[in-house]
Amino acid sequence: MKLEQKMNPQHEALKKFSYQISYALTNYTSHGMDISKYTSVMIGGLGGSGIGGRLVKNIFTDSFPVPIECVADYTLPGYVNKNTLVILGSYSGNTEETLTMFGHVKERGCDMIILTGGGKLGALALENNIKTYHLEGGFQPRMALGFSLTYMNLIFAEFIKKDIIAELKDIIANVADTTPYENDANKMFESIKSKINNKFIFITDGYFEAVGIRFAQQIQENAKHECFTHVLPEANHNVIESYYGVLPSIYFCLDSGKNERTSARFEFLSNLLQVENHKVINMSISEFDLTSVYEVIHRLDWLSIYVADYRKVDSLNVPNIMELKGYLEQI
């Protein structure tokens, strides 16, 4: 039986995913920068404001001509200098780590691009005449990924002169009706419901690593539940040695199919875990591309809300995060 849904703000936000993508596509303007000017790109941002950068790094990993680094901290790597392009994102514009990074980036003379909904970062971008992409307000950062991810994809596609407009328009059309994604998420939910209090483990390859991180973040914030991400093949050199006996975990496996040796590892792990009757969700895609990234994220976002609703937790508010912010303000 399908889990009863109440139209709470989290459900409403997910139903506006296509709107967010369309908004960014409509409001995107050329940055006019030449990637040959730079030796690297650094993307700074945290939480829901930072995951778009991680996703774009994975999407463009095979085609981008210079290294892309994602930083979720106060400080900058030593290599960041005037030859580094820095992209900073903060939905609120008031993320203290990102504002601190802004000051360091400015001191080092880097060119910048800003993604924000306003706040202090928006004011600094305007004051310093920095290219800025506006994120519409009214959402929580973790529920506003359609804006930042789409802007990021367009920024990077422009650098390598790749036309992704048609594919983005197809994605908008695909996710406009959320029903198929809700149904798919509900099937996954029903299959794990009896073990819903077990830890969630998301096993992925390098191409889908950021998607796994995104799912973990959504389960942690929305469902207030433990979720961890392991990446193959690296996890086969360590984590696999913890897979003995019956473990209190549910496993999600997402393979891009880009490397047959890594795919063989997924097959082995799935068989190994199922010997002890662990619940293993093998997620399938036709191929790793822009469309699959958006669509898998959308399904998993719905799943995180279903888990939150079933566990009867407040998926909207984040009291521990807010308490921490209050504590830091007093220091």
C-alpha atoms as a PDB file:
ATOM      1  CA  MET A   1       0.000   0.000   0.000  1.00  0.00           C
ATOM      2  CA  LYS A   2       1.343   3.402  -0.910  1.00  0.00           C
ATOM      3  CA  LEU A   3       2.502   5.578   1.954  1.00  0.00           C
ATOM      4  CA  GLU A   4      -0.023   8.336   2.591  1.00  0.00           C
ATOM      5  CA  GLN A   5       1.412  11.734   1.742  1.00  0.00           C
ATOM      6  CA  LYS A   6       0.531  15.065   3.247  1.00  0.00           C
ATOM      7  CA  MET A   7       1.313  18.079   1.112  1.00  0.00           C
ATOM      8  CA  ASN A   8       3.934  19.491   3.447  1.00  0.00           C
ATOM      9  CA  PRO A   9       6.523  22.058   2.345  1.00  0.00           C
ATOM     10  CA  GLN A  10       9.096  19.360   1.540  1.00  0.00           C
ATOM     11  CA  HIS A  11       6.723  17.630  -0.874  1.00  0.00           C
ATOM     12  CA  GLU A  12       5.843  20.967  -2.440  1.00  0.00           C
ATOM     13  CA  ALA A  13       9.518  21.819  -2.916  1.00  0.00           C
ATOM     14  CA  LEU A  14      10.202  18.511  -4.688  1.00  0.00           C
ATOM     15  CA  LYS A  15       7.251  19.085  -6.996  1.00  0.00           C
ATOM     16  CA  LYS A  16       8.953  22.336  -8.058  1.00  0.00           C
ATOM     17  CA  PHE A  17      12.163  20.617  -9.178  1.00  0.00           C
ATOM     18  CA  SER A  18      11.347  21.167 -12.855  1.00  0.00           C
ATOM     19  CA  TYR A  19      10.542  24.814 -12.117  1.00  0.00           C
ATOM     20  CA  GLN A  20      13.964  25.286 -10.513  1.00  0.00           C
ATOM     21  CA  ILE A  21      15.750  23.819 -13.530  1.00  0.00           C
ATOM     22  CA  SER A  22      13.670  25.942 -15.898  1.00  0.00           C
ATOM     23  CA  TYR A  23      14.324  29.080 -13.832  1.00  0.00           C
ATOM     24  CA  ALA A  24      18.088  28.616 -14.026  1.00  0.00           C
ATOM     25  CA  LEU A  25      17.966  27.838 -17.741  1.00  0.00           C
ATOM     26  CA  THR A  26      15.836  30.930 -18.429  1.00  0.00           C
ATOM     27  CA  ASN A  27      17.944  33.268 -16.294  1.00  0.00           C
ATOM     28  CA  TYR A  28      21.376  32.011 -17.308  1.00  0.00           C
ATOM     29  CA  THR A  29      23.596  34.565 -19.028  1.00  0.00           C
ATOM     30  CA  SER A  30      27.051  33.960 -20.469  1.00  0.00           C
ATOM     31  CA  HIS A  31      29.980  34.439 -18.104  1.00  0.00           C
ATOM     32  CA  GLY A  32      32.237  35.105 -21.113  1.00  0.00           C
ATOM     33  CA  MET A  33      35.306  33.558 -19.506  1.00  0.00           C
ATOM     34  CA  ASP A  34      37.956  31.490 -21.290  1.00  0.00           C
ATOM     35  CA  ILE A  35      39.075  28.391 -19.419  1.00  0.00           C
ATOM     36  CA  SER A  36      42.529  28.576 -21.029  1.00  0.00           C
ATOM     37  CA  LYS A  37      43.210  31.534 -18.719  1.00  0.00           C
ATOM     38  CA  TYR A  38      43.087  29.270 -15.652  1.00  0.00           C
ATOM     39  CA  THR A  39      45.141  26.370 -14.338  1.00  0.00           C
ATOM     40  CA  SER A  40      42.362  25.097 -12.042  1.00  0.00           C
ATOM     41  CA  VAL A  41      38.812  25.703 -10.847  1.00  0.00           C
ATOM     42  CA  MET A  42      37.862  25.688  -7.178  1.00  0.00           C
ATOM     43  CA  ILE A  43      34.227  25.411  -6.116  1.00  0.00           C
ATOM     44  CA  GLY A  44      33.438  26.513  -2.561  1.00  0.00           C
ATOM     45  CA  GLY A  45      30.228  25.789  -0.707  1.00  0.00           C
ATOM     46  CA  LEU A  46      28.735  23.675   2.050  1.00  0.00           C
ATOM     47  CA  GLY A  47      25.757  21.383   2.490  1.00  0.00           C
ATOM     48  CA  GLY A  48      22.912  21.952   0.068  1.00  0.00           C
ATOM     49  CA  SER A  49      24.804  24.915  -1.384  1.00  0.00           C
ATOM     50  CA  GLY A  50      27.936  22.878  -2.024  1.00  0.00           C
ATOM     51  CA  ILE A  51      26.653  19.606  -3.436  1.00  0.00           C
ATOM     52  CA  GLY A  52      26.005  21.112  -6.879  1.00  0.00           C
ATOM     53  CA  GLY A  53      29.739  21.645  -7.270  1.00  0.00           C
ATOM     54  CA  ARG A  54      30.519  18.041  -6.365  1.00  0.00           C
ATOM     55  CA  LEU A  55      27.947  16.811  -8.863  1.00  0.00           C
ATOM     56  CA  VAL A  56      29.299  18.987 -11.664  1.00  0.00           C
ATOM     57  CA  LYS A  57      32.846  17.823 -10.936  1.00  0.00           C
ATOM     58  CA  ASN A  58      31.698  14.221 -11.484  1.00  0.00           C
ATOM     59  CA  ILE A  59      29.655  15.096 -14.581  1.00  0.00           C
ATOM     60  CA  PHE A  60      32.538  16.879 -16.322  1.00  0.00           C
ATOM     61  CA  THR A  61      35.385  14.731 -14.990  1.00  0.00           C
ATOM     62  CA  ASP A  62      36.141  13.157 -18.391  1.00  0.00           C
ATOM     63  CA  SER A  63      35.916  16.318 -20.481  1.00  0.00           C
ATOM     64  CA  PHE A  64      37.163  19.290 -18.469  1.00  0.00           C
ATOM     65  CA  PRO A  65      40.674  20.492 -19.395  1.00  0.00           C
ATOM     66  CA  VAL A  66      41.830  21.649 -15.928  1.00  0.00           C
ATOM     67  CA  PRO A  67      41.466  20.196 -12.402  1.00  0.00           C
ATOM     68  CA  ILE A  68      38.253  20.901 -10.486  1.00  0.00           C
ATOM     69  CA  GLU A  69      38.443  20.955  -6.696  1.00  0.00           C
ATOM     70  CA  CYS A  70      35.519  21.253  -4.252  1.00  0.00           C
ATOM     71  CA  VAL A  71      36.150  22.876  -0.866  1.00  0.00           C
ATOM     72  CA  ALA A  72      33.742  22.820   2.095  1.00  0.00           C
ATOM     73  CA  ASP A  73      35.748  24.676   4.717  1.00  0.00           C
ATOM     74  CA  TYR A  74      36.931  28.077   5.928  1.00  0.00           C
ATOM     75  CA  THR A  75      40.364  27.854   4.337  1.00  0.00           C
ATOM     76  CA  LEU A  76      41.715  27.543   0.818  1.00  0.00           C
ATOM     77  CA  PRO A  77      44.227  25.069  -0.625  1.00  0.00           C
ATOM     78  CA  GLY A  78      47.700  26.522  -1.085  1.00  0.00           C
ATOM     79  CA  TYR A  79      47.529  26.270  -4.889  1.00  0.00           C
ATOM     80  CA  VAL A  80      44.672  28.796  -5.154  1.00  0.00           C
ATOM     81  CA  ASN A  81      46.086  31.922  -6.782  1.00  0.00           C
ATOM     82  CA  LYS A  82      45.325  34.435  -9.539  1.00  0.00           C
ATOM     83  CA  ASN A  83      45.372  31.579 -12.058  1.00  0.00           C
ATOM     84  CA  THR A  84      42.527  29.804 -10.234  1.00  0.00           C
ATOM     85  CA  LEU A  85      38.893  30.502 -11.069  1.00  0.00           C
ATOM     86  CA  VAL A  86      36.791  30.312  -7.905  1.00  0.00           C
ATOM     87  CA  ILE A  87      33.058  29.625  -7.872  1.00  0.00           C
ATOM     88  CA  LEU A  88      31.378  30.273  -4.518  1.00  0.00           C
ATOM     89  CA  GLY A  89      27.843  29.228  -3.680  1.00  0.00           C
ATOM     90  CA  SER A  90      25.614  30.043  -0.712  1.00  0.00           C
ATOM     91  CA  TYR A  91      21.845  29.919  -1.026  1.00  0.00           C
ATOM     92  CA  SER A  92      21.268  32.254   1.919  1.00  0.00           C
ATOM     93  CA  GLY A  93      24.354  34.304   1.177  1.00  0.00           C
ATOM     94  CA  ASN A  94      25.214  34.177   4.878  1.00  0.00           C
ATOM     95  CA  THR A  95      27.129  30.895   5.237  1.00  0.00           C
ATOM     96  CA  GLU A  96      30.050  31.856   7.461  1.00  0.00           C
ATOM     97  CA  GLU A  97      32.549  29.427   5.948  1.00  0.00           C
ATOM     98  CA  THR A  98      31.786  30.654   2.421  1.00  0.00           C
ATOM     99  CA  LEU A  99      32.014  34.307   3.473  1.00  0.00           C
ATOM    100  CA  THR A 100      35.406  33.575   5.030  1.00  0.00           C
ATOM    101  CA  MET A 101      36.510  31.901   1.805  1.00  0.00           C
ATOM    102  CA  PHE A 102      35.375  34.974  -0.134  1.00  0.00           C
ATOM    103  CA  GLY A 103      37.776  37.168   1.842  1.00  0.00           C
ATOM    104  CA  HIS A 104      40.696  34.808   1.234  1.00  0.00           C
ATOM    105  CA  VAL A 105      39.877  34.472  -2.470  1.00  0.00           C
ATOM    106  CA  LYS A 106      39.773  38.241  -2.876  1.00  0.00           C
ATOM    107  CA  GLU A 107      43.137  38.580  -1.122  1.00  0.00           C
ATOM    108  CA  ARG A 108      44.694  36.122  -3.596  1.00  0.00           C
ATOM    109  CA  GLY A 109      43.402  38.015  -6.613  1.00  0.00           C
ATOM    110  CA  CYS A 110      41.275  35.221  -8.121  1.00  0.00           C
ATOM    111  CA  ASP A 111      38.499  35.715 -10.621  1.00  0.00           C
ATOM    112  CA  MET A 112      35.173  34.683  -9.127  1.00  0.00           C
ATOM    113  CA  ILE A 113      31.661  33.577 -10.025  1.00  0.00           C
ATOM    114  CA  ILE A 114      28.970  33.715  -7.339  1.00  0.00           C
ATOM    115  CA  LEU A 115      25.756  31.710  -6.940  1.00  0.00           C
ATOM    116  CA  THR A 116      23.496  33.076  -4.212  1.00  0.00           C
ATOM    117  CA  GLY A 117      20.043  34.158  -3.203  1.00  0.00           C
ATOM    118  CA  GLY A 118      21.353  37.380  -1.682  1.00  0.00           C
ATOM    119  CA  GLY A 119      22.539  38.030   1.870  1.00  0.00           C
ATOM    120  CA  LYS A 120      26.050  39.194   2.661  1.00  0.00           C
ATOM    121  CA  LEU A 121      27.589  37.241  -0.217  1.00  0.00           C
ATOM    122  CA  GLY A 122      25.188  38.833  -2.687  1.00  0.00           C
ATOM    123  CA  ALA A 123      26.067  42.280  -1.370  1.00  0.00           C
ATOM    124  CA  LEU A 124      29.799  41.548  -1.643  1.00  0.00           C
ATOM    125  CA  ALA A 125      29.385  40.265  -5.196  1.00  0.00           C
ATOM    126  CA  LEU A 126      27.508  43.437  -6.186  1.00  0.00           C
ATOM    127  CA  GLU A 127      30.035  45.690  -4.446  1.00  0.00           C
ATOM    128  CA  ASN A 128      32.932  43.982  -6.236  1.00  0.00           C
ATOM    129  CA  ASN A 129      31.187  43.677  -9.626  1.00  0.00           C
ATOM    130  CA  ILE A 130      31.444  39.866  -9.644  1.00  0.00           C
ATOM    131  CA  LYS A 131      29.472  37.742 -12.104  1.00  0.00           C
ATOM    132  CA  THR A 132      26.506  36.445 -10.091  1.00  0.00           C
ATOM    133  CA  TYR A 133      23.763  33.916 -10.758  1.00  0.00           C
ATOM    134  CA  HIS A 134      20.643  34.492  -8.664  1.00  0.00           C
ATOM    135  CA  LEU A 135      18.972  31.658  -6.757  1.00  0.00           C
ATOM    136  CA  GLU A 136      15.285  32.280  -6.141  1.00  0.00           C
ATOM    137  CA  GLY A 137      14.349  32.396  -2.453  1.00  0.00           C
ATOM    138  CA  GLY A 138      11.638  30.536  -0.582  1.00  0.00           C
ATOM    139  CA  PHE A 139      13.296  27.110  -0.435  1.00  0.00           C
ATOM    140  CA  GLN A 140      15.645  25.382   1.982  1.00  0.00           C
ATOM    141  CA  PRO A 141      19.157  25.079   0.505  1.00  0.00           C
ATOM    142  CA  ARG A 142      18.906  21.279   0.337  1.00  0.00           C
ATOM    143  CA  MET A 143      15.578  21.553  -1.492  1.00  0.00           C
ATOM    144  CA  ALA A 144      16.836  24.114  -4.028  1.00  0.00           C
ATOM    145  CA  LEU A 145      19.348  21.959  -5.900  1.00  0.00           C
ATOM    146  CA  GLY A 146      17.625  22.448  -9.263  1.00  0.00           C
ATOM    147  CA  PHE A 147      18.775  26.082  -9.320  1.00  0.00           C
ATOM    148  CA  SER A 148      22.452  25.650  -8.423  1.00  0.00           C
ATOM    149  CA  LEU A 149      23.039  22.374 -10.262  1.00  0.00           C
ATOM    150  CA  THR A 150      21.610  23.757 -13.492  1.00  0.00           C
ATOM    151  CA  TYR A 151      23.558  27.012 -13.279  1.00  0.00           C
ATOM    152  CA  MET A 152      26.723  25.012 -12.584  1.00  0.00           C
ATOM    153  CA  ASN A 153      26.147  22.707 -15.542  1.00  0.00           C
ATOM    154  CA  LEU A 154      25.615  25.681 -17.833  1.00  0.00           C
ATOM    155  CA  ILE A 155      28.735  27.446 -16.514  1.00  0.00           C
ATOM    156  CA  PHE A 156      30.951  24.430 -17.141  1.00  0.00           C
ATOM    157  CA  ALA A 157      29.324  23.546 -20.461  1.00  0.00           C
ATOM    158  CA  GLU A 158      30.024  27.083 -21.689  1.00  0.00           C
ATOM    159  CA  PHE A 159      33.690  26.678 -20.779  1.00  0.00           C
ATOM    160  CA  ILE A 160      34.063  23.646 -23.049  1.00  0.00           C
ATOM    161  CA  LYS A 161      31.601  24.946 -25.666  1.00  0.00           C
ATOM    162  CA  LYS A 162      29.163  22.082 -25.133  1.00  0.00           C
ATOM    163  CA  ASP A 163      25.491  22.661 -25.914  1.00  0.00           C
ATOM    164  CA  ILE A 164      23.352  21.100 -23.181  1.00  0.00           C
ATOM    165  CA  ILE A 165      20.223  23.233 -23.699  1.00  0.00           C
ATOM    166  CA  ALA A 166      18.210  20.552 -25.487  1.00  0.00           C
ATOM    167  CA  GLU A 167      19.053  17.934 -22.859  1.00  0.00           C
ATOM    168  CA  LEU A 168      18.088  20.291 -20.033  1.00  0.00           C
ATOM    169  CA  LYS A 169      14.771  21.021 -21.745  1.00  0.00           C
ATOM    170  CA  ASP A 170      14.134  17.282 -22.001  1.00  0.00           C
ATOM    171  CA  ILE A 171      14.927  16.894 -18.297  1.00  0.00           C
ATOM    172  CA  ILE A 172      12.493  19.689 -17.444  1.00  0.00           C
ATOM    173  CA  ALA A 173       9.782  17.909 -19.427  1.00  0.00           C
ATOM    174  CA  ASN A 174      10.625  14.565 -17.832  1.00  0.00           C
ATOM    175  CA  VAL A 175      10.461  15.730 -14.213  1.00  0.00           C
ATOM    176  CA  ALA A 176       7.507  18.080 -14.665  1.00  0.00           C
ATOM    177  CA  ASP A 177       5.281  15.146 -13.748  1.00  0.00           C
ATOM    178  CA  THR A 178       6.727  13.883 -10.488  1.00  0.00           C
ATOM    179  CA  THR A 179       4.390  10.869 -10.303  1.00  0.00           C
ATOM    180  CA  PRO A 180       6.792   8.314 -11.871  1.00  0.00           C
ATOM    181  CA  TYR A 181       9.593   9.409  -9.543  1.00  0.00           C
ATOM    182  CA  GLU A 182       7.296   9.275  -6.531  1.00  0.00           C
ATOM    183  CA  ASN A 183       6.161   5.790  -7.543  1.00  0.00           C
ATOM    184  CA  ASP A 184       9.723   4.539  -8.009  1.00  0.00           C
ATOM    185  CA  ALA A 185      10.738   6.018  -4.662  1.00  0.00           C
ATOM    186  CA  ASN A 186       7.707   4.457  -3.015  1.00  0.00           C
ATOM    187  CA  LYS A 187       8.645   1.006  -4.368  1.00  0.00           C
ATOM    188  CA  MET A 188      12.104   1.386  -2.850  1.00  0.00           C
ATOM    189  CA  PHE A 189      10.573   2.583   0.400  1.00  0.00           C
ATOM    190  CA  GLU A 190       8.160  -0.356   0.627  1.00  0.00           C
ATOM    191  CA  SER A 191      11.020  -2.796   0.047  1.00  0.00           C
ATOM    192  CA  ILE A 192      13.032  -1.386   2.980  1.00  0.00           C
ATOM    193  CA  LYS A 193      10.221  -0.357   5.331  1.00  0.00           C
ATOM    194  CA  SER A 194      10.547  -3.405   7.581  1.00  0.00           C
ATOM    195  CA  LYS A 195      14.210  -2.514   8.224  1.00  0.00           C
ATOM    196  CA  ILE A 196      13.827   1.246   8.209  1.00  0.00           C
ATOM    197  CA  ASN A 197      15.801   1.756  11.437  1.00  0.00           C
ATOM    198  CA  ASN A 198      18.915   0.105  10.002  1.00  0.00           C
ATOM    199  CA  LYS A 199      21.782   2.300   8.839  1.00  0.00           C
ATOM    200  CA  PHE A 200      21.727   3.251   5.170  1.00  0.00           C
ATOM    201  CA  ILE A 201      24.878   2.510   3.154  1.00  0.00           C
ATOM    202  CA  PHE A 202      25.141   3.938  -0.363  1.00  0.00           C
ATOM    203  CA  ILE A 203      27.736   2.150  -2.507  1.00  0.00           C
ATOM    204  CA  THR A 204      28.682   3.876  -5.725  1.00  0.00           C
ATOM    205  CA  ASP A 205      31.506   4.372  -8.192  1.00  0.00           C
ATOM    206  CA  GLY A 206      33.428   7.581  -8.749  1.00  0.00           C
ATOM    207  CA  TYR A 207      31.028   8.958 -11.351  1.00  0.00           C
ATOM    208  CA  PHE A 208      28.060   8.760  -9.004  1.00  0.00           C
ATOM    209  CA  GLU A 209      29.965   9.588  -5.807  1.00  0.00           C
ATOM    210  CA  ALA A 210      28.350  13.014  -5.445  1.00  0.00           C
ATOM    211  CA  VAL A 211      24.894  11.492  -5.973  1.00  0.00           C
ATOM    212  CA  GLY A 212      25.660   9.137  -3.076  1.00  0.00           C
ATOM    213  CA  ILE A 213      26.805  12.056  -0.926  1.00  0.00           C
ATOM    214  CA  ARG A 214      23.635  13.943  -1.853  1.00  0.00           C
ATOM    215  CA  PHE A 215      21.447  11.002  -0.788  1.00  0.00           C
ATOM    216  CA  ALA A 216      23.326  10.691   2.512  1.00  0.00           C
ATOM    217  CA  GLN A 217      22.840  14.409   3.180  1.00  0.00           C
ATOM    218  CA  GLN A 218      19.112  14.178   2.441  1.00  0.00           C
ATOM    219  CA  ILE A 219      18.606  11.145   4.684  1.00  0.00           C
ATOM    220  CA  GLN A 220      20.605  12.822   7.447  1.00  0.00           C
ATOM    221  CA  GLU A 221      18.811  16.179   7.301  1.00  0.00           C
ATOM    222  CA  ASN A 222      15.322  15.135   6.266  1.00  0.00           C
ATOM    223  CA  ALA A 223      14.977  11.758   7.994  1.00  0.00           C
ATOM    224  CA  LYS A 224      17.374  12.408  10.917  1.00  0.00           C
ATOM    225  CA  HIS A 225      18.945   9.043  10.191  1.00  0.00           C
ATOM    226  CA  GLU A 226      22.447   7.663   9.669  1.00  0.00           C
ATOM    227  CA  CYS A 227      23.566   7.254   6.073  1.00  0.00           C
ATOM    228  CA  PHE A 228      27.077   6.708   4.715  1.00  0.00           C
ATOM    229  CA  THR A 229      28.611   6.631   1.246  1.00  0.00           C
ATOM    230  CA  HIS A 230      31.308   4.179   0.084  1.00  0.00           C
ATOM    231  CA  VAL A 231      32.999   4.441  -3.306  1.00  0.00           C
ATOM    232  CA  LEU A 232      34.299   1.591  -5.455  1.00  0.00           C
ATOM    233  CA  PRO A 233      36.903   0.415  -6.146  1.00  0.00           C
ATOM    234  CA  GLU A 234      38.531   2.026  -3.066  1.00  0.00           C
ATOM    235  CA  ALA A 235      35.997   0.540  -0.632  1.00  0.00           C
ATOM    236  CA  ASN A 236      36.941  -2.938  -1.861  1.00  0.00           C
ATOM    237  CA  HIS A 237      40.387  -2.418  -0.357  1.00  0.00           C
ATOM    238  CA  ASN A 238      39.115  -1.788   3.184  1.00  0.00           C
ATOM    239  CA  VAL A 239      35.376  -1.533   3.893  1.00  0.00           C
ATOM    240  CA  ILE A 240      34.657  -4.949   2.382  1.00  0.00           C
ATOM    241  CA  GLU A 241      36.467  -6.513   5.346  1.00  0.00           C
ATOM    242  CA  SER A 242      33.657  -5.328   7.628  1.00  0.00           C
ATOM    243  CA  TYR A 243      31.062  -7.335   5.674  1.00  0.00           C
ATOM    244  CA  TYR A 244      30.912 -10.467   7.836  1.00  0.00           C
ATOM    245  CA  GLY A 245      27.804 -11.833   9.486  1.00  0.00           C
ATOM    246  CA  VAL A 246      24.497 -10.020   9.763  1.00  0.00           C
ATOM    247  CA  LEU A 247      24.916  -6.247   9.768  1.00  0.00           C
ATOM    248  CA  PRO A 248      22.273  -3.661  10.797  1.00  0.00           C
ATOM    249  CA  SER A 249      22.375  -1.939   7.421  1.00  0.00           C
ATOM    250  CA  ILE A 250      20.436  -1.435   4.192  1.00  0.00           C
ATOM    251  CA  TYR A 251      22.600  -1.210   1.077  1.00  0.00           C
ATOM    252  CA  PHE A 252      21.955   0.880  -2.033  1.00  0.00           C
ATOM    253  CA  CYS A 253      24.175   0.181  -5.055  1.00  0.00           C
ATOM    254  CA  LEU A 254      24.524   2.620  -7.959  1.00  0.00           C
ATOM    255  CA  ASP A 255      26.960   1.802 -10.759  1.00  0.00           C
ATOM    256  CA  SER A 256      27.540   4.128 -13.708  1.00  0.00           C
ATOM    257  CA  GLY A 257      28.605   1.186 -15.871  1.00  0.00           C
ATOM    258  CA  LYS A 258      31.570   3.209 -17.126  1.00  0.00           C
ATOM    259  CA  ASN A 259      34.137   0.582 -16.123  1.00  0.00           C
ATOM    260  CA  GLU A 260      33.476  -3.142 -16.506  1.00  0.00           C
ATOM    261  CA  ARG A 261      35.938  -4.079 -13.773  1.00  0.00           C
ATOM    262  CA  THR A 262      34.144  -1.817 -11.311  1.00  0.00           C
ATOM    263  CA  SER A 263      30.807  -3.254 -12.449  1.00  0.00           C
ATOM    264  CA  ALA A 264      32.131  -6.732 -11.631  1.00  0.00           C
ATOM    265  CA  ARG A 265      32.911  -5.492  -8.133  1.00  0.00           C
ATOM    266  CA  PHE A 266      29.300  -4.347  -7.695  1.00  0.00           C
ATOM    267  CA  GLU A 267      28.079  -7.792  -8.728  1.00  0.00           C
ATOM    268  CA  PHE A 268      30.402  -9.499  -6.248  1.00  0.00           C
ATOM    269  CA  LEU A 269      29.410  -7.199  -3.378  1.00  0.00           C
ATOM    270  CA  SER A 270      25.700  -7.610  -4.034  1.00  0.00           C
ATOM    271  CA  ASN A 271      26.033 -11.389  -3.954  1.00  0.00           C
ATOM    272  CA  LEU A 272      28.217 -11.274  -0.856  1.00  0.00           C
ATOM    273  CA  LEU A 273      25.739  -9.151   1.095  1.00  0.00           C
ATOM    274  CA  GLN A 274      22.692 -11.104   0.012  1.00  0.00           C
ATOM    275  CA  VAL A 275      24.193 -14.360   1.345  1.00  0.00           C
ATOM    276  CA  GLU A 276      23.388 -13.082   4.853  1.00  0.00           C
ATOM    277  CA  ASN A 277      19.963 -11.847   3.702  1.00  0.00           C
ATOM    278  CA  HIS A 278      20.876  -8.159   3.792  1.00  0.00           C
ATOM    279  CA  LYS A 279      18.541  -5.824   1.959  1.00  0.00           C
ATOM    280  CA  VAL A 280      20.340  -4.657  -1.190  1.00  0.00           C
ATOM    281  CA  ILE A 281      18.769  -2.154  -3.586  1.00  0.00           C
ATOM    282  CA  ASN A 282      20.485  -2.353  -6.970  1.00  0.00           C
ATOM    283  CA  MET A 283      19.555   0.867  -8.766  1.00  0.00           C
ATOM    284  CA  SER A 284      19.623   0.685 -12.546  1.00  0.00           C
ATOM    285  CA  ILE A 285      20.293   3.374 -15.152  1.00  0.00           C
ATOM    286  CA  SER A 286      20.569   3.200 -18.926  1.00  0.00           C
ATOM    287  CA  GLU A 287      23.801   5.229 -18.958  1.00  0.00           C
ATOM    288  CA  PHE A 288      25.687   7.835 -16.983  1.00  0.00           C
ATOM    289  CA  ASP A 289      24.740  11.241 -18.372  1.00  0.00           C
ATOM    290  CA  LEU A 290      23.212  14.558 -17.368  1.00  0.00           C
ATOM    291  CA  THR A 291      19.704  13.120 -17.467  1.00  0.00           C
ATOM    292  CA  SER A 292      20.486  10.152 -15.240  1.00  0.00           C
ATOM    293  CA  VAL A 293      22.078  12.405 -12.609  1.00  0.00           C
ATOM    294  CA  TYR A 294      18.998  14.650 -12.362  1.00  0.00           C
ATOM    295  CA  GLU A 295      16.540  11.755 -12.417  1.00  0.00           C
ATOM    296  CA  VAL A 296      18.329   9.568  -9.866  1.00  0.00           C
ATOM    297  CA  ILE A 297      18.648  12.534  -7.501  1.00  0.00           C
ATOM    298  CA  HIS A 298      14.947  13.280  -7.857  1.00  0.00           C
ATOM    299  CA  ARG A 299      13.938   9.690  -7.031  1.00  0.00           C
ATOM    300  CA  LEU A 300      16.243   9.589  -4.020  1.00  0.00           C
ATOM    301  CA  ASP A 301      15.047  12.966  -2.744  1.00  0.00           C
ATOM    302  CA  TRP A 302      11.506  11.582  -2.688  1.00  0.00           C
ATOM    303  CA  LEU A 303      12.738   8.483  -0.886  1.00  0.00           C
ATOM    304  CA  SER A 304      14.365  10.620   1.822  1.00  0.00           C
ATOM    305  CA  ILE A 305      11.031  12.354   2.453  1.00  0.00           C
ATOM    306  CA  TYR A 306       9.129   9.045   2.553  1.00  0.00           C
ATOM    307  CA  VAL A 307      11.580   7.738   5.137  1.00  0.00           C
ATOM    308  CA  ALA A 308      11.204  10.944   7.161  1.00  0.00           C
ATOM    309  CA  ASP A 309       7.413  10.794   7.027  1.00  0.00           C
ATOM    310  CA  TYR A 310       7.332   7.140   8.074  1.00  0.00           C
ATOM    311  CA  ARG A 311       9.726   7.756  10.960  1.00  0.00           C
ATOM    312  CA  LYS A 312       7.490  10.681  12.011  1.00  0.00           C
ATOM    313  CA  VAL A 313      10.343  13.163  12.229  1.00  0.00           C
ATOM    314  CA  ASP A 314      10.347  16.844  11.296  1.00  0.00           C
ATOM    315  CA  SER A 315      11.935  16.880   7.851  1.00  0.00           C
ATOM    316  CA  LEU A 316      11.522  20.636   7.572  1.00  0.00           C
ATOM    317  CA  ASN A 317      13.519  21.867  10.534  1.00  0.00           C
ATOM    318  CA  VAL A 318      17.119  21.186  11.603  1.00  0.00           C
ATOM    319  CA  PRO A 319      17.319  22.064  15.321  1.00  0.00           C
ATOM    320  CA  ASN A 320      20.825  20.664  15.905  1.00  0.00           C
ATOM    321  CA  ILE A 321      22.203  22.752  13.033  1.00  0.00           C
ATOM    322  CA  MET A 322      20.421  25.853  14.305  1.00  0.00           C
ATOM    323  CA  GLU A 323      21.686  25.258  17.852  1.00  0.00           C
ATOM    324  CA  LEU A 324      25.235  24.963  16.518  1.00  0.00           C
ATOM    325  CA  LYS A 325      24.869  28.224  14.604  1.00  0.00           C
ATOM    326  CA  GLY A 326      23.646  29.935  17.760  1.00  0.00           C
ATOM    327  CA  TYR A 327      26.593  28.553  19.700  1.00  0.00           C
ATOM    328  CA  LEU A 328      29.095  29.760  17.089  1.00  0.00           C
ATOM    329  CA  GLU A 329      27.576  33.245  17.138  1.00  0.00           C
ATOM    330  CA  GLN A 330      28.432  33.520  20.813  1.00  0.00           C
ATOM    331  CA  ILE A 331      32.098  32.628  20.352  1.00  0.00           C
END
